[in-house]
N, C-alpha and C. Protein backbone atom coordinates (compact mmCIF):
# COMPACT_ATOMS: atom_id res chain seq x y z
N MET A 1 50.41 45.70 92.03
CA MET A 1 51.47 44.97 92.68
C MET A 1 50.86 44.23 93.88
N THR A 2 51.18 42.97 94.00
CA THR A 2 50.65 42.20 95.12
C THR A 2 51.37 42.58 96.40
N ASP A 3 50.77 42.21 97.52
CA ASP A 3 51.39 42.50 98.82
C ASP A 3 52.76 41.84 98.93
N ILE A 4 52.86 40.61 98.45
CA ILE A 4 54.13 39.88 98.55
C ILE A 4 55.19 40.55 97.68
N ALA A 5 54.82 40.93 96.47
CA ALA A 5 55.77 41.61 95.58
C ALA A 5 56.21 42.95 96.17
N LEU A 6 55.27 43.65 96.76
CA LEU A 6 55.60 44.93 97.41
C LEU A 6 56.56 44.71 98.57
N TYR A 7 56.28 43.71 99.38
CA TYR A 7 57.14 43.38 100.52
C TYR A 7 58.55 43.03 100.05
N GLN A 8 58.65 42.23 99.01
CA GLN A 8 59.96 41.84 98.48
C GLN A 8 60.70 43.05 97.92
N SER A 9 59.97 43.93 97.27
CA SER A 9 60.57 45.14 96.72
C SER A 9 61.13 46.03 97.84
N VAL A 10 60.36 46.16 98.90
CA VAL A 10 60.81 46.97 100.04
C VAL A 10 62.05 46.35 100.67
N LEU A 11 62.06 45.04 100.84
CA LEU A 11 63.23 44.37 101.42
C LEU A 11 64.46 44.54 100.54
N GLN A 12 64.27 44.44 99.24
CA GLN A 12 65.39 44.61 98.32
C GLN A 12 65.97 46.02 98.43
N LYS A 13 65.10 47.01 98.47
CA LYS A 13 65.57 48.39 98.59
C LYS A 13 66.21 48.64 99.96
N LEU A 14 65.68 48.01 100.99
CA LEU A 14 66.24 48.16 102.32
C LEU A 14 67.68 47.65 102.36
N GLY A 15 67.95 46.60 101.61
CA GLY A 15 69.30 46.06 101.53
C GLY A 15 70.28 47.01 100.87
N GLN A 16 69.79 47.99 100.14
CA GLN A 16 70.65 48.95 99.46
C GLN A 16 70.93 50.21 100.28
N VAL A 17 70.27 50.32 101.43
CA VAL A 17 70.45 51.49 102.29
C VAL A 17 71.74 51.30 103.10
N ALA A 18 72.57 52.32 103.08
CA ALA A 18 73.82 52.29 103.84
C ALA A 18 73.50 52.26 105.34
N PRO A 19 74.30 51.53 106.12
CA PRO A 19 74.03 51.42 107.56
C PRO A 19 73.92 52.77 108.26
N GLN A 20 74.72 53.74 107.86
CA GLN A 20 74.65 55.06 108.52
C GLN A 20 73.37 55.80 108.21
N ASP A 21 72.63 55.38 107.19
CA ASP A 21 71.38 56.04 106.82
C ASP A 21 70.15 55.33 107.39
N LEU A 22 70.34 54.21 108.06
CA LEU A 22 69.20 53.47 108.59
C LEU A 22 68.43 54.25 109.66
N SER A 23 69.14 55.04 110.46
CA SER A 23 68.45 55.82 111.49
C SER A 23 67.55 56.89 110.85
N ILE A 24 68.00 57.45 109.74
CA ILE A 24 67.18 58.44 109.01
C ILE A 24 65.93 57.76 108.47
N LEU A 25 66.11 56.58 107.90
CA LEU A 25 64.99 55.83 107.36
C LEU A 25 64.01 55.46 108.47
N ASP A 26 64.53 55.04 109.61
CA ASP A 26 63.68 54.67 110.73
C ASP A 26 62.84 55.87 111.20
N ALA A 27 63.48 57.03 111.32
CA ALA A 27 62.75 58.23 111.75
C ALA A 27 61.68 58.61 110.73
N PHE A 28 62.01 58.51 109.45
CA PHE A 28 61.04 58.85 108.41
C PHE A 28 59.87 57.88 108.44
N LEU A 29 60.13 56.59 108.56
CA LEU A 29 59.05 55.61 108.58
C LEU A 29 58.17 55.78 109.82
N THR A 30 58.78 56.09 110.95
CA THR A 30 58.00 56.33 112.17
C THR A 30 57.07 57.51 111.96
N ASP A 31 57.59 58.59 111.38
CA ASP A 31 56.77 59.76 111.09
C ASP A 31 55.67 59.42 110.09
N LEU A 32 56.00 58.64 109.10
CA LEU A 32 55.02 58.24 108.09
C LEU A 32 53.87 57.46 108.71
N VAL A 33 54.18 56.52 109.58
CA VAL A 33 53.15 55.72 110.24
C VAL A 33 52.27 56.60 111.12
N LEU A 34 52.89 57.50 111.88
CA LEU A 34 52.12 58.38 112.75
C LEU A 34 51.20 59.31 111.95
N GLN A 35 51.71 59.82 110.84
CA GLN A 35 50.88 60.70 110.02
C GLN A 35 49.73 59.92 109.39
N GLY A 36 49.98 58.69 109.00
CA GLY A 36 48.92 57.86 108.45
C GLY A 36 47.82 57.61 109.47
N LYS A 37 48.23 57.35 110.72
CA LYS A 37 47.25 57.14 111.79
C LYS A 37 46.45 58.42 112.05
N GLN A 38 47.14 59.56 112.04
CA GLN A 38 46.47 60.84 112.27
C GLN A 38 45.48 61.13 111.15
N ALA A 39 45.86 60.79 109.93
CA ALA A 39 44.97 61.03 108.79
C ALA A 39 43.68 60.22 108.93
N LYS A 40 43.79 59.02 109.45
CA LYS A 40 42.60 58.18 109.62
C LYS A 40 41.69 58.75 110.70
N THR A 41 42.29 59.32 111.75
CA THR A 41 41.46 59.86 112.83
C THR A 41 40.85 61.21 112.46
N VAL A 42 41.50 61.95 111.60
CA VAL A 42 40.97 63.25 111.19
C VAL A 42 39.71 63.07 110.36
N GLY A 43 39.65 62.01 109.62
CA GLY A 43 38.51 61.76 108.73
C GLY A 43 39.01 61.45 107.35
N LYS A 44 38.12 61.02 106.52
CA LYS A 44 38.53 60.62 105.19
C LYS A 44 38.19 61.69 104.17
N SER A 45 38.73 62.85 104.39
CA SER A 45 38.47 63.92 103.43
C SER A 45 39.23 63.64 102.14
N LYS A 46 38.61 63.94 101.05
CA LYS A 46 39.19 63.68 99.73
C LYS A 46 40.51 64.44 99.57
N LYS A 47 40.55 65.66 100.03
CA LYS A 47 41.74 66.49 99.88
C LYS A 47 42.93 65.88 100.64
N LEU A 48 42.72 65.41 101.84
CA LEU A 48 43.78 64.81 102.63
C LEU A 48 44.27 63.52 101.99
N ASN A 49 43.36 62.69 101.53
CA ASN A 49 43.75 61.45 100.88
C ASN A 49 44.56 61.72 99.62
N GLU A 50 44.18 62.73 98.85
CA GLU A 50 44.94 63.08 97.65
C GLU A 50 46.34 63.56 98.02
N ALA A 51 46.44 64.33 99.09
CA ALA A 51 47.75 64.82 99.52
C ALA A 51 48.67 63.67 99.91
N PHE A 52 48.13 62.68 100.62
CA PHE A 52 48.95 61.55 101.05
C PHE A 52 49.37 60.67 99.87
N GLN A 53 48.67 60.74 98.76
CA GLN A 53 49.03 59.95 97.59
C GLN A 53 49.99 60.70 96.68
N SER A 54 50.20 61.95 96.92
CA SER A 54 51.04 62.77 96.05
C SER A 54 52.53 62.59 96.38
N PRO A 55 53.35 62.29 95.37
CA PRO A 55 54.80 62.20 95.60
C PRO A 55 55.37 63.53 96.08
N VAL A 56 54.78 64.63 95.64
CA VAL A 56 55.24 65.95 96.07
C VAL A 56 55.08 66.10 97.58
N TYR A 57 53.96 65.61 98.10
CA TYR A 57 53.73 65.67 99.54
C TYR A 57 54.86 64.98 100.30
N TRP A 58 55.23 63.78 99.85
CA TRP A 58 56.25 63.01 100.57
C TRP A 58 57.62 63.64 100.41
N LEU A 59 57.90 64.25 99.27
CA LEU A 59 59.16 64.96 99.11
C LEU A 59 59.21 66.17 100.04
N GLU A 60 58.08 66.86 100.19
CA GLU A 60 58.01 67.98 101.13
C GLU A 60 58.24 67.52 102.57
N GLN A 61 57.70 66.35 102.92
CA GLN A 61 57.89 65.82 104.26
C GLN A 61 59.36 65.49 104.51
N LEU A 62 60.02 64.93 103.52
CA LEU A 62 61.46 64.65 103.65
C LEU A 62 62.24 65.95 103.83
N ALA A 63 61.87 66.97 103.09
CA ALA A 63 62.55 68.26 103.20
C ALA A 63 62.34 68.86 104.59
N LYS A 64 61.13 68.75 105.13
CA LYS A 64 60.84 69.31 106.46
C LYS A 64 61.65 68.63 107.56
N THR A 65 61.89 67.33 107.41
CA THR A 65 62.62 66.60 108.44
C THR A 65 64.13 66.70 108.29
N ASN A 66 64.56 67.38 107.22
CA ASN A 66 66.01 67.48 106.95
C ASN A 66 66.64 66.09 106.90
N ALA A 67 65.97 65.18 106.25
CA ALA A 67 66.37 63.77 106.23
C ALA A 67 67.78 63.55 105.69
N PHE A 68 68.22 64.40 104.81
CA PHE A 68 69.53 64.19 104.20
C PHE A 68 70.49 65.34 104.49
N ALA A 69 70.31 65.98 105.62
CA ALA A 69 71.13 67.15 105.97
C ALA A 69 72.61 66.81 106.10
N GLU A 70 72.90 65.59 106.50
CA GLU A 70 74.31 65.22 106.70
C GLU A 70 75.04 64.96 105.39
N ILE A 71 74.35 64.91 104.29
CA ILE A 71 74.98 64.69 102.99
C ILE A 71 75.47 66.03 102.46
N GLU A 72 76.79 66.19 102.46
CA GLU A 72 77.37 67.45 102.04
C GLU A 72 77.43 67.57 100.52
N ASP A 73 77.81 66.50 99.86
CA ASP A 73 77.94 66.51 98.40
C ASP A 73 77.06 65.40 97.83
N PRO A 74 75.87 65.73 97.34
CA PRO A 74 74.94 64.71 96.86
C PRO A 74 75.50 63.86 95.72
N VAL A 75 76.29 64.46 94.85
CA VAL A 75 76.86 63.71 93.73
C VAL A 75 77.83 62.65 94.25
N GLU A 76 78.69 63.04 95.18
CA GLU A 76 79.65 62.08 95.75
C GLU A 76 78.91 60.99 96.54
N TRP A 77 77.88 61.39 97.29
CA TRP A 77 77.09 60.42 98.06
C TRP A 77 76.46 59.39 97.13
N GLN A 78 75.93 59.86 96.00
CA GLN A 78 75.31 58.96 95.05
C GLN A 78 76.34 58.01 94.45
N ARG A 79 77.53 58.51 94.16
CA ARG A 79 78.60 57.63 93.64
C ARG A 79 78.92 56.54 94.65
N GLU A 80 79.02 56.93 95.92
CA GLU A 80 79.32 55.95 96.96
C GLU A 80 78.23 54.89 97.07
N MET A 81 76.98 55.32 96.97
CA MET A 81 75.86 54.38 97.06
C MET A 81 75.87 53.40 95.88
N ARG A 82 76.24 53.87 94.74
CA ARG A 82 76.25 53.03 93.55
C ARG A 82 77.48 52.14 93.45
N LYS A 83 78.51 52.47 94.20
CA LYS A 83 79.77 51.73 94.12
C LYS A 83 79.58 50.25 94.47
N ASP A 84 78.73 49.98 95.45
CA ASP A 84 78.53 48.60 95.92
C ASP A 84 77.56 47.82 95.05
N ARG A 85 76.82 48.51 94.22
CA ARG A 85 75.83 47.82 93.39
C ARG A 85 76.49 47.10 92.25
N GLN A 86 76.02 45.91 91.99
CA GLN A 86 76.53 45.15 90.87
C GLN A 86 75.67 45.45 89.65
N LEU A 87 76.32 45.84 88.58
CA LEU A 87 75.59 46.16 87.37
C LEU A 87 75.46 44.90 86.52
N SER A 88 74.26 44.66 86.04
CA SER A 88 74.03 43.48 85.19
C SER A 88 73.95 43.90 83.74
N ARG A 89 74.38 43.04 82.88
CA ARG A 89 74.34 43.34 81.45
C ARG A 89 73.42 42.40 80.75
């Protein structure tokens, strides 16, 4: 994926984030950037680089930050998020 395509993809997904969830996203991205900087200063160990590339690692980080703690009913939240999306046929 080119840098431009990646940037456009991120912008498109950002447009789908509910306004009340933007602060959660901001906190997560801030933490992500700080951890990336720390990883560079620690050194380029193979194990650390593999961990940062693992989707499991990032899911664990989301769990640690309680990123979605305010969501009481995930199924209902997902329905609400999808309600505004236009489905194409």
